C-alpha atoms as a PDB file:
ATOM      1  CA  MET A   1      97.521  72.587  88.077  1.00  0.00           C
ATOM      2  CA  LEU A   2      95.804  75.091  89.621  1.00  0.00           C
ATOM      3  CA  ASP A   3      97.925  78.262  88.485  1.00  0.00           C
ATOM      4  CA  SER A   4      97.964  76.608  84.908  1.00  0.00           C
ATOM      5  CA  VAL A   5      93.858  77.338  85.133  1.00  0.00           C
ATOM      6  CA  LEU A   6      93.840  80.542  87.072  1.00  0.00           C
ATOM      7  CA  SER A   7      96.311  81.301  84.084  1.00  0.00           C
ATOM      8  CA  LEU A   8      93.744  80.308  81.350  1.00  0.00           C
ATOM      9  CA  PHE A   9      90.763  82.506  83.409  1.00  0.00           C
ATOM     10  CA  THR A  10      93.641  85.461  83.124  1.00  0.00           C
ATOM     11  CA  GLU A  11      95.755  85.313  80.197  1.00  0.00           C
ATOM     12  CA  VAL A  12      93.076  84.345  77.756  1.00  0.00           C
ATOM     13  CA  THR A  13      91.203  87.331  76.467  1.00  0.00           C
ATOM     14  CA  LEU A  14      88.593  88.029  73.642  1.00  0.00           C
ATOM     15  CA  ASP A  15      88.598  91.455  72.554  1.00  0.00           C
ATOM     16  CA  GLY A  16      90.518  92.485  75.888  1.00  0.00           C
ATOM     17  CA  PHE A  17      88.859  90.779  77.985  1.00  0.00           C
ATOM     18  CA  PRO A  18      90.027  88.560  80.334  1.00  0.00           C
ATOM     19  CA  LEU A  19      87.948  85.053  80.280  1.00  0.00           C
ATOM     20  CA  TRP A  20      86.766  85.319  83.564  1.00  0.00           C
ATOM     21  CA  VAL A  21      85.208  88.688  82.512  1.00  0.00           C
ATOM     22  CA  VAL A  22      83.807  87.254  79.557  1.00  0.00           C
ATOM     23  CA  LEU A  23      82.300  84.333  82.052  1.00  0.00           C
ATOM     24  CA  LEU A  24      81.443  86.783  84.304  1.00  0.00           C
ATOM     25  CA  ILE A  25      78.781  88.502  81.804  1.00  0.00           C
ATOM     26  CA  CYS A  26      77.692  85.391  80.481  1.00  0.00           C
ATOM     27  CA  ALA A  27      76.307  84.523  84.292  1.00  0.00           C
ATOM     28  CA  GLY A  28      74.693  88.020  84.286  1.00  0.00           C
ATOM     29  CA  VAL A  29      73.332  88.003  80.745  1.00  0.00           C
ATOM     30  CA  PHE A  30      71.888  84.379  81.218  1.00  0.00           C
ATOM     31  CA  LEU A  31      69.855  85.571  84.673  1.00  0.00           C
ATOM     32  CA  ALA A  32      68.768  88.780  82.648  1.00  0.00           C
ATOM     33  CA  SER A  33      67.240  86.699  79.377  1.00  0.00           C
ATOM     34  CA  PHE A  34      65.389  84.263  81.947  1.00  0.00           C
ATOM     35  CA  MET A  35      63.777  86.970  83.836  1.00  0.00           C
ATOM     36  CA  ASP A  36      63.386  89.007  80.397  1.00  0.00           C
ATOM     37  CA  ALA A  37      61.710  86.154  79.004  1.00  0.00           C
ATOM     38  CA  ILE A  38      59.318  86.000  81.673  1.00  0.00           C
ATOM     39  CA  ALA A  39      57.697  89.376  82.236  1.00  0.00           C
ATOM     40  CA  GLY A  40      60.592  91.766  80.556  1.00  0.00           C
ATOM     41  CA  GLY A  41      63.283  93.832  82.375  1.00  0.00           C
ATOM     42  CA  GLY A  42      65.711  92.094  82.155  1.00  0.00           C
ATOM     43  CA  GLY A  43      68.338  94.822  81.275  1.00  0.00           C
ATOM     44  CA  ILE A  44      67.749  96.127  85.200  1.00  0.00           C
ATOM     45  CA  ILE A  45      70.402  92.729  85.699  1.00  0.00           C
ATOM     46  CA  SER A  46      72.618  93.020  82.374  1.00  0.00           C
ATOM     47  CA  VAL A  47      73.398  96.433  82.228  1.00  0.00           C
ATOM     48  CA  PRO A  48      74.884  97.067  85.540  1.00  0.00           C
ATOM     49  CA  VAL A  49      76.837  93.809  84.967  1.00  0.00           C
ATOM     50  CA  TYR A  50      78.026  95.243  81.606  1.00  0.00           C
ATOM     51  CA  LEU A  51      79.030  98.371  83.302  1.00  0.00           C
ATOM     52  CA  MET A  52      81.076  96.708  85.748  1.00  0.00           C
ATOM     53  CA  ALA A  53      82.790  94.904  83.074  1.00  0.00           C
ATOM     54  CA  PHE A  54      83.721  97.760  80.714  1.00  0.00           C
ATOM     55  CA  SER A  55      85.014 100.273  83.511  1.00  0.00           C
ATOM     56  CA  GLY A  56      86.580 102.746  81.394  1.00  0.00           C
ATOM     57  CA  LEU A  57      84.804 102.318  78.281  1.00  0.00           C
ATOM     58  CA  PRO A  58      81.851 104.686  77.318  1.00  0.00           C
ATOM     59  CA  THR A  59      78.217 103.686  77.902  1.00  0.00           C
ATOM     60  CA  TYR A  60      77.523 103.766  74.218  1.00  0.00           C
ATOM     61  CA  TYR A  61      79.685 100.464  74.251  1.00  0.00           C
ATOM     62  CA  VAL A  62      77.694  98.881  77.199  1.00  0.00           C
ATOM     63  CA  LEU A  63      74.123  99.542  76.035  1.00  0.00           C
ATOM     64  CA  GLY A  64      75.528  98.255  72.407  1.00  0.00           C
ATOM     65  CA  THR A  65      76.816  94.988  73.161  1.00  0.00           C
ATOM     66  CA  ASN A  66      73.850  94.468  75.460  1.00  0.00           C
ATOM     67  CA  LYS A  67      71.428  95.210  71.967  1.00  0.00           C
ATOM     68  CA  LEU A  68      73.050  92.482  70.407  1.00  0.00           C
ATOM     69  CA  SER A  69      73.315  89.862  72.933  1.00  0.00           C
ATOM     70  CA  ALA A  70      69.728  90.565  74.365  1.00  0.00           C
ATOM     71  CA  GLY A  71      68.548  91.006  70.451  1.00  0.00           C
ATOM     72  CA  ILE A  72      69.838  87.335  69.287  1.00  0.00           C
ATOM     73  CA  GLY A  73      68.298  85.869  72.362  1.00  0.00           C
ATOM     74  CA  THR A  74      64.785  87.614  72.202  1.00  0.00           C
ATOM     75  CA  ILE A  75      64.735  85.894  68.666  1.00  0.00           C
ATOM     76  CA  PHE A  76      64.822  82.490  70.309  1.00  0.00           C
ATOM     77  CA  SER A  77      62.055  83.479  73.263  1.00  0.00           C
ATOM     78  CA  THR A  78      59.575  85.134  70.548  1.00  0.00           C
ATOM     79  CA  GLY A  79      59.914  81.664  68.417  1.00  0.00           C
ATOM     80  CA  ARG A  80      59.095  79.717  70.923  1.00  0.00           C
ATOM     81  CA  PHE A  81      56.136  81.861  71.675  1.00  0.00           C
ATOM     82  CA  ILE A  82      55.092  81.697  68.188  1.00  0.00           C
ATOM     83  CA  ARG A  83      55.605  78.203  68.032  1.00  0.00           C
ATOM     84  CA  HIS A  84      53.133  77.574  70.335  1.00  0.00           C
ATOM     85  CA  GLY A  85      50.660  80.156  68.765  1.00  0.00           C
ATOM     86  CA  TYR A  86      50.440  82.926  71.279  1.00  0.00           C
ATOM     87  CA  VAL A  87      50.557  85.644  69.094  1.00  0.00           C
ATOM     88  CA  HIS A  88      47.971  87.600  67.562  1.00  0.00           C
ATOM     89  CA  TRP A  89      49.861  88.326  64.419  1.00  0.00           C
ATOM     90  CA  ARG A  90      47.149  91.326  63.364  1.00  0.00           C
ATOM     91  CA  LEU A  91      47.023  92.702  66.537  1.00  0.00           C
ATOM     92  CA  PHE A  92      50.769  92.820  67.417  1.00  0.00           C
ATOM     93  CA  LEU A  93      52.478  93.904  63.802  1.00  0.00           C
ATOM     94  CA  PRO A  94      51.354  96.882  63.729  1.00  0.00           C
ATOM     95  CA  ALA A  95      52.341  97.234  67.392  1.00  0.00           C
ATOM     96  CA  ALA A  96      55.713  96.928  66.963  1.00  0.00           C
ATOM     97  CA  GLY A  97      55.607  99.506  64.051  1.00  0.00           C
ATOM     98  CA  LEU A  98      54.352 101.761  66.592  1.00  0.00           C
ATOM     99  CA  ALA A  99      56.963 101.069  69.394  1.00  0.00           C
ATOM    100  CA  VAL A 100      59.570 101.399  66.929  1.00  0.00           C
ATOM    101  CA  LEU A 101      58.193 105.004  65.709  1.00  0.00           C
ATOM    102  CA  GLY A 102      57.489 105.670  69.363  1.00  0.00           C
ATOM    103  CA  SER A 103      60.950 104.477  70.152  1.00  0.00           C
ATOM    104  CA  VAL A 104      62.259 107.291  67.555  1.00  0.00           C
ATOM    105  CA  CYS A 105      60.465 109.713  69.227  1.00  0.00           C
ATOM    106  CA  GLY A 106      61.671 109.199  73.052  1.00  0.00           C
ATOM    107  CA  THR A 107      65.427 109.093  71.542  1.00  0.00           C
ATOM    108  CA  GLN A 108      64.580 112.760  70.769  1.00  0.00           C
ATOM    109  CA  LEU A 109      62.969 113.852  73.932  1.00  0.00           C
ATOM    110  CA  GLN A 110      65.628 112.256  75.654  1.00  0.00           C
ATOM    111  CA  LEU A 111      68.236 114.783  73.757  1.00  0.00           C
ATOM    112  CA  ARG A 112      66.330 117.860  74.410  1.00  0.00           C
ATOM    113  CA  THR A 113      65.395 116.794  78.361  1.00  0.00           C
ATOM    114  CA  PRO A 114      67.205 116.213  81.446  1.00  0.00           C
ATOM    115  CA  ASP A 115      66.142 112.255  82.107  1.00  0.00           C
ATOM    116  CA  VAL A 116      66.301 113.302  85.767  1.00  0.00           C
ATOM    117  CA  VAL A 117      62.813 114.217  85.482  1.00  0.00           C
ATOM    118  CA  LEU A 118      61.858 110.988  84.292  1.00  0.00           C
ATOM    119  CA  LYS A 119      63.475 109.431  87.193  1.00  0.00           C
ATOM    120  CA  TYR A 120      61.659 111.044  89.841  1.00  0.00           C
ATOM    121  CA  LEU A 121      58.209 110.413  87.965  1.00  0.00           C
ATOM    122  CA  LEU A 122      59.063 106.949  88.399  1.00  0.00           C
ATOM    123  CA  LEU A 123      59.699 107.136  91.771  1.00  0.00           C
ATOM    124  CA  ALA A 124      55.892 108.157  91.954  1.00  0.00           C
ATOM    125  CA  VAL A 125      54.694 105.612  89.462  1.00  0.00           C
ATOM    126  CA  LEU A 126      56.498 102.618  90.681  1.00  0.00           C
ATOM    127  CA  PRO A 127      54.872 102.232  94.225  1.00  0.00           C
ATOM    128  CA  VAL A 128      51.681 102.748  92.490  1.00  0.00           C
ATOM    129  CA  VAL A 129      51.959 100.150  90.115  1.00  0.00           C
ATOM    130  CA  ALA A 130      53.645  97.632  92.198  1.00  0.00           C
ATOM    131  CA  PHE A 131      50.685  98.246  94.912  1.00  0.00           C
ATOM    132  CA  PHE A 132      48.107  97.216  92.201  1.00  0.00           C
ATOM    133  CA  THR A 133      49.692  94.331  91.130  1.00  0.00           C
ATOM    134  CA  LEU A 134      50.557  93.020  94.512  1.00  0.00           C
ATOM    135  CA  ARG A 135      47.004  93.948  95.387  1.00  0.00           C
ATOM    136  CA  THR A 136      45.707  91.337  92.990  1.00  0.00           C
ATOM    137  CA  LYS A 137      46.042  87.684  94.213  1.00  0.00           C
ATOM    138  CA  THR A 138      45.710  85.882  91.019  1.00  0.00           C
ATOM    139  CA  TRP A 139      46.143  87.080  87.406  1.00  0.00           C
ATOM    140  CA  PRO A 140      42.863  84.658  85.367  1.00  0.00           C
ATOM    141  CA  GLU A 141      44.127  82.371  82.894  1.00  0.00           C
ATOM    142  CA  GLU A 142      40.687  83.535  80.645  1.00  0.00           C
ATOM    143  CA  PRO A 143      40.193  86.943  81.277  1.00  0.00           C
ATOM    144  CA  ALA A 144      36.605  88.452  80.877  1.00  0.00           C
ATOM    145  CA  PRO A 145      35.871  89.270  77.092  1.00  0.00           C
ATOM    146  CA  ILE A 146      36.465  93.011  75.602  1.00  0.00           C
ATOM    147  CA  SER A 147      35.592  94.007  72.287  1.00  0.00           C
ATOM    148  CA  PRO A 148      38.659  94.031  69.415  1.00  0.00           C
ATOM    149  CA  ARG A 149      38.327  97.401  68.755  1.00  0.00           C
ATOM    150  CA  ARG A 150      39.087  98.762  72.067  1.00  0.00           C
ATOM    151  CA  GLN A 151      41.833  95.996  72.636  1.00  0.00           C
ATOM    152  CA  ALA A 152      43.626  97.397  69.524  1.00  0.00           C
ATOM    153  CA  LEU A 153      43.089 100.608  70.860  1.00  0.00           C
ATOM    154  CA  ILE A 154      44.707  99.719  73.910  1.00  0.00           C
ATOM    155  CA  VAL A 155      47.419  97.641  72.808  1.00  0.00           C
ATOM    156  CA  TRP A 156      48.899 100.091  69.774  1.00  0.00           C
ATOM    157  CA  THR A 157      48.455 102.966  72.193  1.00  0.00           C
ATOM    158  CA  ALA A 158      50.691 100.725  75.078  1.00  0.00           C
ATOM    159  CA  ALA A 159      53.261 100.009  72.453  1.00  0.00           C
ATOM    160  CA  LEU A 160      53.184 103.876  70.811  1.00  0.00           C
ATOM    161  CA  VAL A 161      53.774 105.352  74.483  1.00  0.00           C
ATOM    162  CA  ILE A 162      55.903 103.046  76.072  1.00  0.00           C
ATOM    163  CA  GLY A 163      58.114 102.566  73.165  1.00  0.00           C
ATOM    164  CA  ALA A 164      58.567 106.403  73.277  1.00  0.00           C
ATOM    165  CA  TYR A 165      59.712 105.461  77.241  1.00  0.00           C
ATOM    166  CA  ASP A 166      61.806 102.772  75.839  1.00  0.00           C
ATOM    167  CA  GLY A 167      64.053 105.307  73.395  1.00  0.00           C
ATOM    168  CA  TYR A 168      63.792 107.922  76.382  1.00  0.00           C
ATOM    169  CA  TYR A 169      65.127 105.508  79.099  1.00  0.00           C
ATOM    170  CA  GLY A 170      64.250 101.975  78.378  1.00  0.00           C
ATOM    171  CA  PRO A 171      64.316 100.022  82.006  1.00  0.00           C
ATOM    172  CA  GLY A 172      60.863  97.413  82.578  1.00  0.00           C
ATOM    173  CA  THR A 173      59.603  98.416  78.819  1.00  0.00           C
ATOM    174  CA  GLY A 174      58.307  94.877  78.483  1.00  0.00           C
ATOM    175  CA  THR A 175      57.289  94.424  82.113  1.00  0.00           C
ATOM    176  CA  PHE A 176      55.185  97.452  82.195  1.00  0.00           C
ATOM    177  CA  LEU A 177      53.656  96.407  78.380  1.00  0.00           C
ATOM    178  CA  MET A 178      52.940  93.087  80.328  1.00  0.00           C
ATOM    179  CA  LEU A 179      50.672  94.950  82.966  1.00  0.00           C
ATOM    180  CA  ILE A 180      48.776  97.216  80.539  1.00  0.00           C
ATOM    181  CA  PHE A 181      48.106  93.874  78.056  1.00  0.00           C
ATOM    182  CA  ILE A 182      47.102  91.798  81.132  1.00  0.00           C
ATOM    183  CA  ARG A 183      45.175  94.832  83.449  1.00  0.00           C
ATOM    184  CA  LEU A 184      43.574  96.721  80.708  1.00  0.00           C
ATOM    185  CA  ALA A 185      43.412  95.246  77.756  1.00  0.00           C
ATOM    186  CA  ASN A 186      42.032  91.947  79.166  1.00  0.00           C
ATOM    187  CA  MET A 187      44.739  89.366  77.814  1.00  0.00           C
ATOM    188  CA  ASP A 188      46.062  86.010  79.255  1.00  0.00           C
ATOM    189  CA  THR A 189      49.557  86.124  80.579  1.00  0.00           C
ATOM    190  CA  ARG A 190      50.592  83.632  77.520  1.00  0.00           C
ATOM    191  CA  HIS A 191      49.229  85.948  74.841  1.00  0.00           C
ATOM    192  CA  ALA A 192      50.325  89.254  76.573  1.00  0.00           C
ATOM    193  CA  ALA A 193      54.213  87.571  76.925  1.00  0.00           C
ATOM    194  CA  GLY A 194      54.086  86.582  72.845  1.00  0.00           C
ATOM    195  CA  GLY A 195      53.114  90.181  72.318  1.00  0.00           C
ATOM    196  CA  VAL A 196      55.420  91.399  73.890  1.00  0.00           C
ATOM    197  CA  LYS A 197      58.103  89.611  72.670  1.00  0.00           C
ATOM    198  CA  ILE A 198      57.201  90.769  69.037  1.00  0.00           C
ATOM    199  CA  ILE A 199      56.940  94.463  70.217  1.00  0.00           C
ATOM    200  CA  ASN A 200      60.825  93.784  72.296  1.00  0.00           C
ATOM    201  CA  LEU A 201      62.041  92.048  69.164  1.00  0.00           C
ATOM    202  CA  ALA A 202      61.457  95.230  66.538  1.00  0.00           C
ATOM    203  CA  SER A 203      62.885  97.506  69.151  1.00  0.00           C
ATOM    204  CA  ASN A 204      66.329  95.251  70.106  1.00  0.00           C
ATOM    205  CA  LEU A 205      66.592  94.937  66.278  1.00  0.00           C
ATOM    206  CA  GLY A 206      66.483  98.573  65.228  1.00  0.00           C
ATOM    207  CA  SER A 207      68.601  99.471  68.423  1.00  0.00           C
ATOM    208  CA  LEU A 208      70.886  97.325  67.716  1.00  0.00           C
ATOM    209  CA  CYS A 209      71.359  98.305  63.724  1.00  0.00           C
ATOM    210  CA  SER A 210      72.211 101.970  64.642  1.00  0.00           C
ATOM    211  CA  ALA A 211      74.780 100.381  67.082  1.00  0.00           C
ATOM    212  CA  LEU A 212      76.262  98.439  64.297  1.00  0.00           C
ATOM    213  CA  LEU A 213      76.072 101.356  62.169  1.00  0.00           C
ATOM    214  CA  ALA A 214      77.908 103.471  64.666  1.00  0.00           C
ATOM    215  CA  GLY A 215      80.208 100.988  65.816  1.00  0.00           C
ATOM    216  CA  THR A 216      79.518 101.254  69.345  1.00  0.00           C
ATOM    217  CA  VAL A 217      79.392  96.794  69.516  1.00  0.00           C
ATOM    218  CA  VAL A 218      82.057  95.002  71.103  1.00  0.00           C
ATOM    219  CA  VAL A 219      81.241  92.196  68.879  1.00  0.00           C
ATOM    220  CA  GLY A 220      83.530  89.380  69.952  1.00  0.00           C
ATOM    221  CA  VAL A 221      82.252  89.545  73.827  1.00  0.00           C
ATOM    222  CA  GLY A 222      78.389  90.367  72.481  1.00  0.00           C
ATOM    223  CA  LEU A 223      77.758  86.806  70.689  1.00  0.00           C
ATOM    224  CA  VAL A 224      79.660  84.798  73.118  1.00  0.00           C
ATOM    225  CA  SER A 225      77.240  86.445  75.510  1.00  0.00           C
ATOM    226  CA  ALA A 226      74.414  85.784  72.772  1.00  0.00           C
ATOM    227  CA  ALA A 227      74.843  82.238  73.812  1.00  0.00           C
ATOM    228  CA  ALA A 228      74.162  82.688  77.611  1.00  0.00           C
ATOM    229  CA  SER A 229      71.172  84.933  76.595  1.00  0.00           C
ATOM    230  CA  ILE A 230      69.844  82.200  74.010  1.00  0.00           C
ATOM    231  CA  LEU A 231      69.977  79.720  77.154  1.00  0.00           C
ATOM    232  CA  GLY A 232      67.943  82.282  79.205  1.00  0.00           C
ATOM    233  CA  HIS A 233      65.274  83.004  76.906  1.00  0.00           C
ATOM    234  CA  TYR A 234      64.576  79.735  75.788  1.00  0.00           C
ATOM    235  CA  LEU A 235      63.911  78.555  79.040  1.00  0.00           C
ATOM    236  CA  GLY A 236      62.585  80.914  80.690  1.00  0.00           C
ATOM    237  CA  ALA A 237      59.797  81.500  77.955  1.00  0.00           C
ATOM    238  CA  GLY A 238      59.225  77.811  78.180  1.00  0.00           C
ATOM    239  CA  LEU A 239      58.811  78.252  81.617  1.00  0.00           C
ATOM    240  CA  ALA A 240      55.892  80.943  81.251  1.00  0.00           C
ATOM    241  CA  ILE A 241      54.767  79.091  78.648  1.00  0.00           C
ATOM    242  CA  LYS A 242      53.667  75.740  81.056  1.00  0.00           C
ATOM    243  CA  ASN A 243      53.083  78.070  84.081  1.00  0.00           C
ATOM    244  CA  GLY A 244      51.115  80.972  82.953  1.00  0.00           C
ATOM    245  CA  SER A 245      50.385  84.102  85.864  1.00  0.00           C
ATOM    246  CA  ARG A 246      51.733  81.347  88.365  1.00  0.00           C
ATOM    247  CA  ILE A 247      55.597  82.189  87.276  1.00  0.00           C
ATOM    248  CA  VAL A 248      54.726  85.550  85.127  1.00  0.00           C
ATOM    249  CA  ARG A 249      53.256  87.713  88.242  1.00  0.00           C
ATOM    250  CA  PRO A 250      55.883  87.367  90.801  1.00  0.00           C
ATOM    251  CA  THR A 251      58.377  87.820  88.564  1.00  0.00           C
ATOM    252  CA  VAL A 252      56.645  91.322  87.232  1.00  0.00           C
ATOM    253  CA  ILE A 253      56.723  91.799  90.787  1.00  0.00           C
ATOM    254  CA  LEU A 254      60.301  91.416  91.358  1.00  0.00           C
ATOM    255  CA  VAL A 255      60.988  93.484  88.317  1.00  0.00           C
ATOM    256  CA  LEU A 256      59.255  95.979  89.734  1.00  0.00           C
ATOM    257  CA  VAL A 257      61.528  95.849  93.048  1.00  0.00           C
ATOM    258  CA  LEU A 258      64.508  95.914  91.066  1.00  0.00           C
ATOM    259  CA  LEU A 259      63.365  98.743  88.706  1.00  0.00           C
ATOM    260  CA  LEU A 260      62.379 100.432  92.148  1.00  0.00           C
ATOM    261  CA  VAL A 261      66.142 100.180  93.416  1.00  0.00           C
ATOM    262  CA  LYS A 262      68.071 101.080  89.928  1.00  0.00           C
ATOM    263  CA  VAL A 263      65.918 104.173  89.943  1.00  0.00           C
ATOM    264  CA  VAL A 264      66.938 105.364  93.520  1.00  0.00           C
ATOM    265  CA  SER A 265      70.406 104.475  92.928  1.00  0.00           C
ATOM    266  CA  GLU A 266      70.593 106.301  89.634  1.00  0.00           C
ATOM    267  CA  LEU A 267      69.729 109.522  91.591  1.00  0.00           C
ATOM    268  CA  LEU A 268      72.252 108.846  94.748  1.00  0.00           C
ATOM    269  CA  PHE A 269      74.768 107.591  92.927  1.00  0.00           C
ATOM    270  CA  PRO A 270      75.327 108.611  89.581  1.00  0.00           C
ATOM    271  CA  GLU A 271      78.322 108.204  88.996  1.00  0.00           C
ATOM    272  CA  PHE A 272      78.189 104.829  88.934  1.00  0.00           C
ATOM    273  CA  TRP A 273      75.628 104.937  85.755  1.00  0.00           C
ATOM    274  CA  SER A 274      77.849 107.537  84.056  1.00  0.00           C
END
């Protein structure tokens, strides 16, 4: 009996990957999607999981397949925020367009500069961001009012700039947007999270289309792991909607710590990420 079970996990394959590898990917994608739906930063978990599973394949396939599972999952968490009325369309539709524009510009910039420059910059910025996040004990559920014009300027500028960061490097994009929307644009955590989902969805779908056209997506594995992504996004979005800042703030702190670890590991062990 045990031999039959073991043979099932090793002999059954999908796109050339054993079943146990596909299930490992699904577990990592679920955790990444759950965290991503709450505070962004899911790629910090999912990309290393795909890197380990896709050992021997070019990194393009890692990023492309990750976009497939993440993009499909994001549709469901975005839909949940929309259904509960936490998306300000007039504010975030233009922001989504600006994020895509910024992402294209960031990708072009990436081709012209060494990304180690950005990694050292993040080493300086991340502790500062974490300090100010920890320093604020609570995030208000009803923040102080702000003029619509000023709020739009902050949100649209952030979408363009952080969108460029997403195209250039990427990890933690949703978390940075969340912090800016809450701390500078005076949004409550639920509406901030809803706006982040709209921007992330636009960026993910744009990147996914590019990856599909380039043929750098392992479609079978990506679709199976997308089921885990859907579950993680759906549950994470529900938790964020129900608990607001009580769950979002500690998750943001966790993402910042994981991102700092990722940046340091990329500088110390570049062969793992190549």
